[in-house]
């Protein structure tokens, strides 16, 4: 379990590098609903984390906030990942 936790932390830190590599003023912004926005950065980080964490927990499903591609079964364990940064949460 500790090995999985350490690898998860490493993946999250790598996700931070993805965020830092983008210039926010150039990030494409999409509207999901009223006062509900998502950037290309959000999509990229979410895809990265889902891919990396699936390697660690292949038997799990990953339900992500931004993606419309969530495919999961209630027969498997589920991991839910909230956006790393969402202005509407603050």
Protein backbone atom coordinates (compact mmCIF):
# COMPACT_ATOMS: atom_id res chain seq x y z
CA UNK A 1 0.00 0.00 0.00
CA UNK A 2 2.84 2.40 0.80
CA UNK A 3 4.35 1.78 -2.64
CA UNK A 4 1.06 2.72 -4.31
CA UNK A 5 0.78 5.82 -2.15
CA UNK A 6 4.33 6.94 -3.05
CA UNK A 7 3.71 6.37 -6.76
CA UNK A 8 0.42 8.25 -6.51
CA UNK A 9 2.21 11.21 -4.92
CA UNK A 10 4.80 11.10 -7.71
CA UNK A 11 2.03 11.14 -10.35
CA UNK A 12 0.33 14.10 -8.65
CA UNK A 13 3.63 16.01 -8.56
CA UNK A 14 4.14 15.27 -12.25
CA UNK A 15 0.63 16.60 -12.88
CA UNK A 16 1.75 19.81 -11.20
CA UNK A 17 4.59 20.07 -13.72
CA UNK A 18 2.04 19.77 -16.52
CA UNK A 19 0.06 22.62 -15.00
CA UNK A 20 3.17 24.76 -14.60
CA UNK A 21 4.22 24.14 -18.20
CA UNK A 22 1.15 25.96 -19.54
CA UNK A 23 0.80 29.68 -19.63
CA UNK A 24 -2.67 30.23 -18.23
CA UNK A 25 -3.30 33.26 -20.43
CA UNK A 26 -2.95 30.99 -23.48
CA UNK A 27 -5.04 28.10 -22.16
CA UNK A 28 -8.16 27.34 -24.17
CA UNK A 29 -11.26 27.74 -22.00
CA UNK A 30 -14.45 25.77 -22.54
CA UNK A 31 -17.86 26.49 -21.06
CA UNK A 32 -19.55 23.48 -19.46
CA UNK A 33 -22.51 25.40 -18.07
CA UNK A 34 -23.48 28.59 -16.33
CA UNK A 35 -20.39 29.84 -14.45
CA UNK A 36 -18.82 26.41 -15.03
CA UNK A 37 -15.58 26.50 -17.02
CA UNK A 38 -12.84 24.04 -17.84
CA UNK A 39 -9.48 24.61 -19.52
CA UNK A 40 -7.37 22.47 -21.78
CA UNK A 41 -4.98 22.26 -18.83
CA UNK A 42 -7.71 20.55 -16.77
CA UNK A 43 -8.33 18.01 -19.53
CA UNK A 44 -4.61 17.28 -20.00
CA UNK A 45 -3.96 16.82 -16.29
CA UNK A 46 -7.03 14.66 -15.84
CA UNK A 47 -6.04 12.40 -18.75
CA UNK A 48 -2.48 12.13 -17.42
CA UNK A 49 -3.61 11.21 -13.90
CA UNK A 50 -6.19 8.70 -15.10
CA UNK A 51 -3.55 6.98 -17.24
CA UNK A 52 -0.89 6.93 -14.53
CA UNK A 53 -3.22 5.84 -11.74
CA UNK A 54 -4.73 3.12 -13.92
CA UNK A 55 -1.22 1.65 -14.15
CA UNK A 56 -1.10 1.49 -10.34
CA UNK A 57 -4.63 0.22 -9.83
CA UNK A 58 -5.60 -1.61 -13.03
CA UNK A 59 -8.60 -3.23 -11.36
CA UNK A 60 -10.13 0.16 -10.55
CA UNK A 61 -12.35 2.51 -12.50
CA UNK A 62 -11.56 6.21 -12.57
CA UNK A 63 -14.41 8.67 -12.54
CA UNK A 64 -13.19 12.11 -13.46
CA UNK A 65 -14.97 15.43 -13.15
CA UNK A 66 -14.16 17.06 -16.47
CA UNK A 67 -14.22 14.12 -18.84
CA UNK A 68 -17.28 12.97 -20.71
CA UNK A 69 -15.53 9.65 -21.40
CA UNK A 70 -16.08 8.11 -17.98
CA UNK A 71 -16.58 4.39 -18.39
CA UNK A 72 -17.06 2.48 -15.20
CA UNK A 73 -18.81 -0.41 -13.60
CA UNK A 74 -20.10 -0.62 -10.07
CA UNK A 75 -18.66 -4.14 -10.00
CA UNK A 76 -15.13 -2.70 -9.64
CA UNK A 77 -13.58 -0.37 -7.08
CA UNK A 78 -13.89 3.28 -8.10
CA UNK A 79 -11.52 6.21 -7.73
CA UNK A 80 -13.06 9.66 -8.07
CA UNK A 81 -10.81 12.58 -8.95
CA UNK A 82 -11.93 16.16 -8.49
CA UNK A 83 -10.41 18.97 -10.49
CA UNK A 84 -7.03 20.07 -9.19
CA UNK A 85 -8.10 23.70 -9.36
CA UNK A 86 -11.60 24.93 -9.97
CA UNK A 87 -12.43 28.60 -9.52
CA UNK A 88 -16.07 27.73 -8.80
CA UNK A 89 -14.98 25.76 -5.73
CA UNK A 90 -13.56 28.82 -3.98
